[in-house]
Protein backbone atom coordinates (compact mmCIF):
# COMPACT_ATOMS: atom_id res chain seq x y z
CA MET A 1 -12.01 -11.87 -22.57
CA ARG A 2 -13.15 -11.98 -26.13
CA GLN A 3 -12.75 -15.89 -26.26
CA VAL A 4 -14.94 -16.21 -23.19
CA ALA A 5 -17.66 -13.98 -24.69
CA GLU A 6 -17.65 -16.28 -27.93
CA ALA A 7 -17.81 -19.55 -25.80
CA ALA A 8 -20.61 -18.01 -23.78
CA GLY A 9 -22.50 -16.55 -26.61
CA VAL A 10 -22.62 -13.15 -25.02
CA SER A 11 -20.85 -9.74 -25.86
CA VAL A 12 -17.55 -8.85 -24.54
CA MET A 13 -19.31 -6.17 -22.39
CA THR A 14 -21.45 -8.66 -20.87
CA VAL A 15 -18.42 -10.61 -19.86
CA SER A 16 -16.80 -7.29 -18.24
CA TYR A 17 -20.00 -6.58 -16.45
CA ALA A 18 -20.13 -10.28 -15.21
CA TYR A 19 -16.86 -9.61 -13.24
CA ALA A 20 -17.00 -5.87 -12.40
CA GLN A 21 -20.63 -5.04 -12.13
CA PRO A 22 -22.58 -8.55 -11.81
CA GLU A 23 -25.75 -6.67 -10.86
CA ARG A 24 -26.11 -5.52 -14.64
CA VAL A 25 -26.15 -9.06 -16.07
CA SER A 26 -28.95 -11.76 -15.58
CA ALA A 27 -28.18 -14.66 -13.33
CA GLU A 28 -28.42 -17.02 -16.50
CA ALA A 29 -25.67 -14.94 -18.45
CA ALA A 30 -23.40 -14.71 -15.42
CA THR A 31 -23.48 -18.49 -15.10
CA ARG A 32 -22.54 -19.01 -18.72
CA VAL A 33 -19.75 -16.47 -18.51
CA ARG A 34 -18.55 -18.29 -15.39
CA ALA A 35 -18.82 -21.85 -17.01
CA ALA A 36 -16.88 -20.64 -20.21
CA ALA A 37 -14.18 -18.84 -18.25
CA GLU A 38 -13.79 -22.05 -16.17
CA ARG A 39 -13.41 -24.29 -19.45
CA LEU A 40 -10.91 -21.79 -20.92
CA GLY A 41 -9.05 -21.28 -17.84
CA TYR A 42 -9.59 -17.58 -17.69
CA PRO A 43 -9.10 -16.08 -14.18
CA GLY A 44 -10.93 -12.81 -14.79
CA PRO A 45 -9.71 -9.24 -15.36
CA HIS A 46 -6.43 -8.45 -13.72
CA PRO A 47 -7.04 -6.46 -10.38
CA GLY A 48 -4.46 -3.82 -11.46
CA ALA A 49 -6.32 -3.03 -14.59
CA ARG A 50 -9.59 -2.61 -12.84
CA SER A 51 -7.79 -0.23 -10.30
CA LEU A 52 -6.46 1.80 -13.18
CA ARG A 53 -9.94 2.09 -14.60
CA ARG A 54 -11.41 3.16 -11.31
CA GLY A 55 -8.50 5.56 -10.61
CA ARG A 56 -7.61 4.11 -7.40
CA ALA A 57 -5.64 1.31 -6.04
CA GLY A 58 -7.59 0.21 -3.16
CA SER A 59 -4.75 0.09 -0.76
CA LEU A 60 -2.91 2.36 1.91
CA GLY A 61 0.75 2.11 1.96
CA VAL A 62 2.75 2.24 5.25
CA VAL A 63 6.51 3.01 4.65
CA LEU A 64 8.18 1.33 7.49
CA GLY A 65 11.93 2.21 8.01
CA GLU A 66 12.77 -1.11 9.60
CA ARG A 67 12.99 -4.63 8.56
CA LEU A 68 9.79 -6.22 7.67
CA THR A 69 9.71 -8.42 10.73
CA TYR A 70 9.89 -5.29 13.00
CA ALA A 71 6.16 -4.62 12.16
CA PHE A 72 5.06 -7.92 13.88
CA ASP A 73 7.91 -8.38 16.52
CA ASP A 74 7.77 -4.68 18.11
CA PRO A 75 4.82 -4.12 20.36
CA GLN A 76 4.83 -0.44 19.51
CA ALA A 77 4.87 -0.89 15.83
CA ALA A 78 2.18 -3.70 16.09
CA ARG A 79 -0.12 -1.33 17.99
CA PHE A 80 0.52 1.57 15.51
CA LEU A 81 -0.18 -0.86 12.51
CA ALA A 82 -3.36 -2.19 14.36
CA GLY A 83 -4.69 1.41 14.41
CA VAL A 84 -3.88 1.80 10.68
CA ALA A 85 -5.64 -1.53 10.05
CA ASP A 86 -8.95 -0.54 11.76
CA VAL A 87 -9.40 2.20 9.40
CA CYS A 88 -8.51 0.25 6.34
CA ALA A 89 -11.28 -2.36 7.41
CA ALA A 90 -13.72 0.36 8.00
CA GLU A 91 -12.84 1.99 4.70
CA GLY A 92 -12.83 -1.35 2.60
CA VAL A 93 -9.16 -0.78 1.43
CA GLY A 94 -5.98 -2.95 1.76
CA LEU A 95 -2.78 -2.44 3.77
CA THR A 96 0.42 -2.44 2.08
CA LEU A 97 3.78 -2.42 4.01
CA VAL A 98 6.60 -0.98 2.10
CA PRO A 99 9.91 -1.77 4.09
CA ILE A 100 12.97 0.46 3.43
CA ALA A 101 16.44 -0.42 4.59
CA GLY A 102 18.67 2.49 3.57
CA ALA A 103 19.17 0.99 0.05
CA ASP A 104 19.28 2.74 -3.14
CA SER A 105 16.12 0.94 -4.33
CA ASP A 106 14.11 2.32 -1.56
CA ALA A 107 12.94 5.51 -3.43
CA ALA A 108 12.06 3.35 -6.51
CA ARG A 109 10.09 0.88 -4.41
CA VAL A 110 8.18 3.68 -2.87
CA ALA A 111 7.41 5.30 -6.20
CA ALA A 112 6.17 1.79 -7.54
CA ALA A 113 3.80 1.02 -4.75
CA ALA A 114 0.30 0.75 -5.84
CA VAL A 115 -1.42 2.53 -3.16
CA ASP A 116 -3.67 5.53 -2.62
CA GLY A 117 -1.78 7.16 0.00
CA PHE A 118 1.12 6.83 2.37
CA VAL A 119 1.62 6.71 6.10
CA VAL A 120 5.37 7.08 6.93
CA TRP A 121 6.61 5.68 10.04
CA THR A 122 9.08 7.94 11.90
CA THR A 123 12.24 8.39 9.92
CA THR A 124 15.27 10.76 9.65
CA ASP A 125 15.36 14.41 8.47
CA ASP A 126 17.50 13.14 5.40
CA ASP A 127 15.52 10.13 4.35
CA PRO A 128 15.51 10.17 0.66
CA VAL A 129 12.02 8.18 0.61
CA LEU A 130 10.41 11.32 1.84
CA ASP A 131 11.12 13.04 -1.44
CA ALA A 132 9.86 9.79 -3.17
CA VAL A 133 6.70 9.86 -1.16
CA ALA A 134 6.27 13.53 -2.06
CA GLY A 135 6.99 12.75 -5.73
CA THR A 136 4.13 10.46 -6.09
CA GLY A 137 1.60 13.42 -5.46
CA LEU A 138 -0.42 11.15 -3.32
CA PRO A 139 -1.69 12.11 0.11
CA ALA A 140 0.67 11.34 2.81
CA VAL A 141 1.23 11.71 6.56
CA ILE A 142 4.37 11.22 8.67
CA HIS A 143 4.17 9.69 12.10
CA ALA A 144 6.17 11.52 14.69
CA GLY A 145 8.37 13.53 12.31
CA PRO A 146 10.16 14.96 10.30
CA HIS A 147 8.17 17.65 9.48
CA ARG A 148 7.72 18.51 5.76
CA PRO A 149 5.88 21.58 4.26
CA GLY A 150 2.33 20.48 3.61
CA VAL A 151 2.58 17.11 5.04
CA PRO A 152 0.65 16.44 8.44
CA VAL A 153 2.62 15.15 11.27
CA VAL A 154 0.85 13.08 13.98
CA GLY A 155 2.60 12.57 17.11
CA ILE A 156 3.00 13.83 20.85
CA ASP A 157 5.44 16.44 22.02
CA ASP A 158 8.26 14.14 22.78
CA ARG A 159 10.50 16.76 24.37
CA ALA A 160 7.86 17.71 26.95
CA ALA A 161 7.09 14.05 27.87
CA ALA A 162 10.78 13.30 28.16
CA ALA A 163 11.31 16.28 30.57
CA ALA A 164 8.41 15.08 32.72
CA ILE A 165 9.53 11.28 32.82
CA GLY A 166 13.25 12.66 33.22
CA GLN A 167 12.58 14.42 36.45
CA ILE A 168 11.15 11.28 37.88
CA ALA A 169 14.05 9.02 36.75
CA PHE A 170 16.78 11.34 37.61
CA ALA A 171 15.37 12.28 41.01
CA ARG A 172 18.35 12.08 43.49
CA ALA A 173 20.53 10.60 40.88
CA ARG A 174 24.07 11.33 40.51
CA HIS A 175 25.25 8.89 37.47
CA PRO A 176 21.97 8.90 35.08
CA VAL A 177 22.12 7.31 31.77
CA VAL A 178 19.69 7.57 28.90
CA LEU A 179 19.16 4.31 26.80
CA SER A 180 18.50 5.83 23.54
CA PHE A 181 17.08 5.09 20.03
CA PRO A 182 19.69 5.32 17.03
CA LEU A 183 21.04 8.81 16.33
CA ASP A 184 20.85 8.47 12.51
CA ARG A 185 20.54 5.99 9.68
CA ARG A 186 23.99 4.47 10.22
CA ARG A 187 22.46 3.15 13.60
CA ASP A 188 26.02 3.09 15.29
CA ARG A 189 26.23 1.65 18.90
CA ALA A 190 27.80 4.24 21.17
CA LEU A 191 28.11 5.58 24.65
CA VAL A 192 28.41 9.33 24.78
CA ASP A 193 29.04 11.77 27.75
CA GLY A 194 26.52 14.48 27.69
CA LEU A 195 24.04 15.18 24.53
CA PRO A 196 25.74 13.81 21.27
CA ASN A 197 27.80 16.59 19.31
CA ALA A 198 26.98 15.00 15.88
CA ALA A 199 23.64 15.82 14.29
CA VAL A 200 20.80 13.66 15.56
CA SER A 201 18.72 13.13 12.26
CA TYR A 202 15.88 11.19 13.93
CA PRO A 203 13.56 13.83 15.29
CA VAL A 204 12.10 11.43 17.96
CA THR A 205 15.53 10.68 19.22
CA ARG A 206 16.57 14.32 19.11
CA HIS A 207 13.41 15.71 20.99
CA ARG A 208 13.64 13.00 23.58
CA LEU A 209 17.12 13.48 24.32
CA THR A 210 16.61 17.37 24.52
CA GLY A 211 13.84 16.66 26.93
CA PHE A 212 15.91 14.32 29.03
CA ALA A 213 18.66 17.06 29.16
CA ASP A 214 15.99 19.59 30.30
CA ALA A 215 15.03 17.44 33.16
CA TRP A 216 18.74 16.85 34.12
CA ALA A 217 19.51 20.53 34.00
CA LYS A 218 16.34 21.24 36.27
CA ALA A 219 17.65 18.83 38.81
CA GLY A 220 20.88 20.85 38.83
CA GLY A 221 23.01 18.21 37.13
CA ASP A 222 26.18 18.70 35.05
CA PRO A 223 25.31 18.27 31.45
CA GLY A 224 28.43 16.34 30.92
CA ALA A 225 27.41 13.85 33.57
CA LEU A 226 24.29 12.68 31.51
CA ARG A 227 25.64 9.79 29.60
CA VAL A 228 23.70 8.51 26.52
CA ALA A 229 23.91 4.69 25.50
CA VAL A 230 22.85 4.56 21.95
CA CYS A 231 21.33 1.36 20.71
CA PRO A 232 21.31 0.21 17.19
CA THR A 233 17.78 -0.85 17.29
CA ASN A 234 14.69 -0.80 19.63
CA GLY A 235 14.92 -4.16 21.14
CA ALA A 236 14.98 -5.73 24.72
CA ALA A 237 18.24 -7.55 24.03
CA HIS A 238 20.09 -4.38 23.10
CA GLY A 239 18.85 -2.60 26.24
CA GLU A 240 19.92 -5.68 28.42
CA ASP A 241 23.38 -5.77 26.80
CA PHE A 242 24.09 -2.16 27.18
CA ALA A 243 22.73 -2.04 30.67
CA ARG A 244 24.94 -5.12 31.83
CA GLU A 245 28.04 -3.24 30.60
CA LEU A 246 27.15 -0.13 32.30
CA LEU A 247 26.26 -1.80 35.53
CA ASP A 248 29.64 -3.71 35.40
CA SER A 249 31.56 -0.54 34.81
CA PRO A 250 33.62 1.42 37.42
CA SER A 251 30.89 4.15 37.44
CA PRO A 252 27.38 2.32 37.23
CA PRO A 253 24.37 4.37 36.61
CA ASP A 254 22.00 4.91 39.45
CA ALA A 255 19.01 5.82 36.94
CA ILE A 256 18.29 4.66 33.45
CA ALA A 257 15.69 6.69 31.36
CA ALA A 258 14.88 4.46 28.31
CA MET A 259 13.29 5.79 25.23
CA SER A 260 11.09 2.71 24.97
CA ASP A 261 9.53 -0.07 27.29
CA GLU A 262 11.54 -2.57 25.24
CA LEU A 263 14.89 -1.00 26.17
CA ALA A 264 13.83 -0.53 29.78
CA LEU A 265 12.62 -4.17 30.20
CA GLY A 266 16.05 -5.07 29.07
CA ALA A 267 17.56 -2.76 31.66
CA LEU A 268 15.51 -4.36 34.37
CA ARG A 269 16.60 -7.94 33.34
CA ALA A 270 20.26 -6.88 33.57
CA ALA A 271 19.75 -5.35 37.01
CA ALA A 272 18.07 -8.38 38.26
CA ALA A 273 20.97 -10.57 37.01
CA ALA A 274 23.51 -8.29 38.54
CA GLY A 275 21.70 -8.25 41.86
CA VAL A 276 21.01 -4.61 41.66
CA ALA A 277 17.95 -3.22 43.78
CA ILE A 278 15.19 -1.57 41.94
CA PRO A 279 14.51 1.31 42.60
CA ASP A 280 16.80 1.88 45.51
CA ALA A 281 20.08 1.50 43.78
CA LEU A 282 18.83 1.90 40.26
CA ALA A 283 15.67 3.89 38.91
CA VAL A 284 14.50 2.80 35.63
CA THR A 285 11.79 4.45 33.43
CA GLY A 286 10.27 3.48 29.93
CA TRP A 287 8.14 4.62 27.28
CA ASP A 288 4.90 3.66 25.52
CA ASP A 289 3.19 1.72 28.45
CA THR A 290 3.20 -1.71 26.58
CA ASP A 291 1.43 -4.62 27.90
CA ALA A 292 4.52 -5.99 29.67
CA ALA A 293 5.16 -2.78 31.47
CA GLY A 294 2.47 -3.22 34.15
CA PRO A 295 3.61 -6.68 35.17
CA ALA A 296 7.17 -5.57 35.40
CA GLY A 297 6.23 -2.36 37.71
CA LEU A 298 7.83 -0.20 35.15
CA THR A 299 7.32 3.65 35.48
CA THR A 300 6.61 4.84 31.87
CA VAL A 301 5.13 7.31 29.47
CA ALA A 302 1.83 6.18 28.15
CA GLN A 303 0.67 7.05 24.75
CA SER A 304 -1.90 5.43 22.40
CA LEU A 305 0.07 4.38 19.31
CA ARG A 306 -3.00 2.49 18.02
CA ASP A 307 -4.98 5.93 18.15
CA GLN A 308 -2.04 7.73 16.34
CA GLY A 309 -2.29 4.86 13.65
CA THR A 310 -5.89 5.53 13.32
CA ARG A 311 -5.30 9.38 12.98
CA CYS A 312 -2.56 8.87 10.30
CA ALA A 313 -4.66 6.38 8.22
CA ARG A 314 -7.53 8.81 8.32
CA LEU A 315 -5.50 11.75 7.12
CA ALA A 316 -3.69 9.79 4.46
CA LEU A 317 -7.18 8.58 3.00
CA GLY A 318 -8.33 12.19 3.01
CA HIS A 319 -10.40 12.48 6.04
CA ARG A 320 -10.32 15.57 8.19
CA ASP A 321 -8.86 15.10 11.77
CA PRO A 322 -10.39 17.14 14.32
CA VAL A 323 -7.51 16.37 16.92
CA ARG A 324 -4.70 18.97 16.51
CA GLU A 325 -1.13 17.75 16.26
CA ASP A 326 1.14 17.32 19.24
CA ASP A 327 -1.63 17.49 21.78
CA PRO A 328 -0.07 17.28 25.07
CA SER A 329 -3.11 15.41 26.42
CA ASP A 330 -2.16 12.54 24.22
CA TRP A 331 0.40 11.35 26.92
CA ARG A 332 0.67 10.85 30.46
CA ILE A 333 3.18 9.50 33.10
CA VAL A 334 2.24 6.01 34.77
CA LEU A 335 4.02 5.53 38.13
CA ARG A 336 4.91 2.22 39.31
CA ASP A 337 7.63 0.54 41.40
CA SER A 338 10.63 0.91 39.14
CA THR A 339 11.04 4.56 40.55
CA ARG A 340 12.11 5.90 43.73
CA PRO A 341 8.96 6.87 45.99
CA GLY A 342 10.25 10.47 46.60
CA ALA A 343 10.17 11.25 42.95
CA ARG A 344 6.55 10.52 42.52
């Protein structure tokens, strides 16, 4: 910067103002500074240095406990991030994705992120990145849990919503199956009779499983007869593969309650390939009411992940949120043709 000042015949402060506060220098001085900088190959002050002087990074961090491509491939994640991006655009700040994958370097990656606050995508109770986020001292909010003292959580009442959709899915069913999200960070694929005995460390999975069990119990079902098909990731291919296996088994399901539309759409494809009639032989429900749910005729839980992303971003940037957490009005059941008419 000093060399640019000497070449332009101005002070170092004038060079600094030309980049950081151009309204404080004359047009003629600014032109000389830019011309000298171009001759010397000077790109201007480093953005990180300017951020340090301002005391803010100018970006909001989203801690995503999935592979980076999940943010673009998964419809639910894309909707959520769109809500975060809406706030970032309105506030004039950037958006930094911080993917984590269960590696030892995850906490260090979070601690090193140059951001002004964090939005944490739903994760497990024992995820060490939660301590790393808290250790930064920056504002943070967690989407859908887990709960941490002093950290707001934005999400719906998953147990109540699962109980409501479960009553529809399991009506007149004798062999119900839940297509489930992973139970813990190992993401093991498994088929379990009844609720899993092992600890379920993903709060979203735990609450939805409990709600489905509530619905099955209300229908008078045997707890051990409710099977849980645990998928390693939330993807239609996993839902289709598991549903195909179940439909080919000696005791095929007559109802599938999926924890996402993606898993449910996979189940519908498997049923179509097997010639299983929907909904007479097999009722299927989903979750989220994505764009593909309507054309597929899928009964589902509707929630606005975009609105939840907006609320998370506003809280992480220090705004007050007038909407209370876990508001039951934030979800509703959308009835379509994938469930039996008598269940509606």
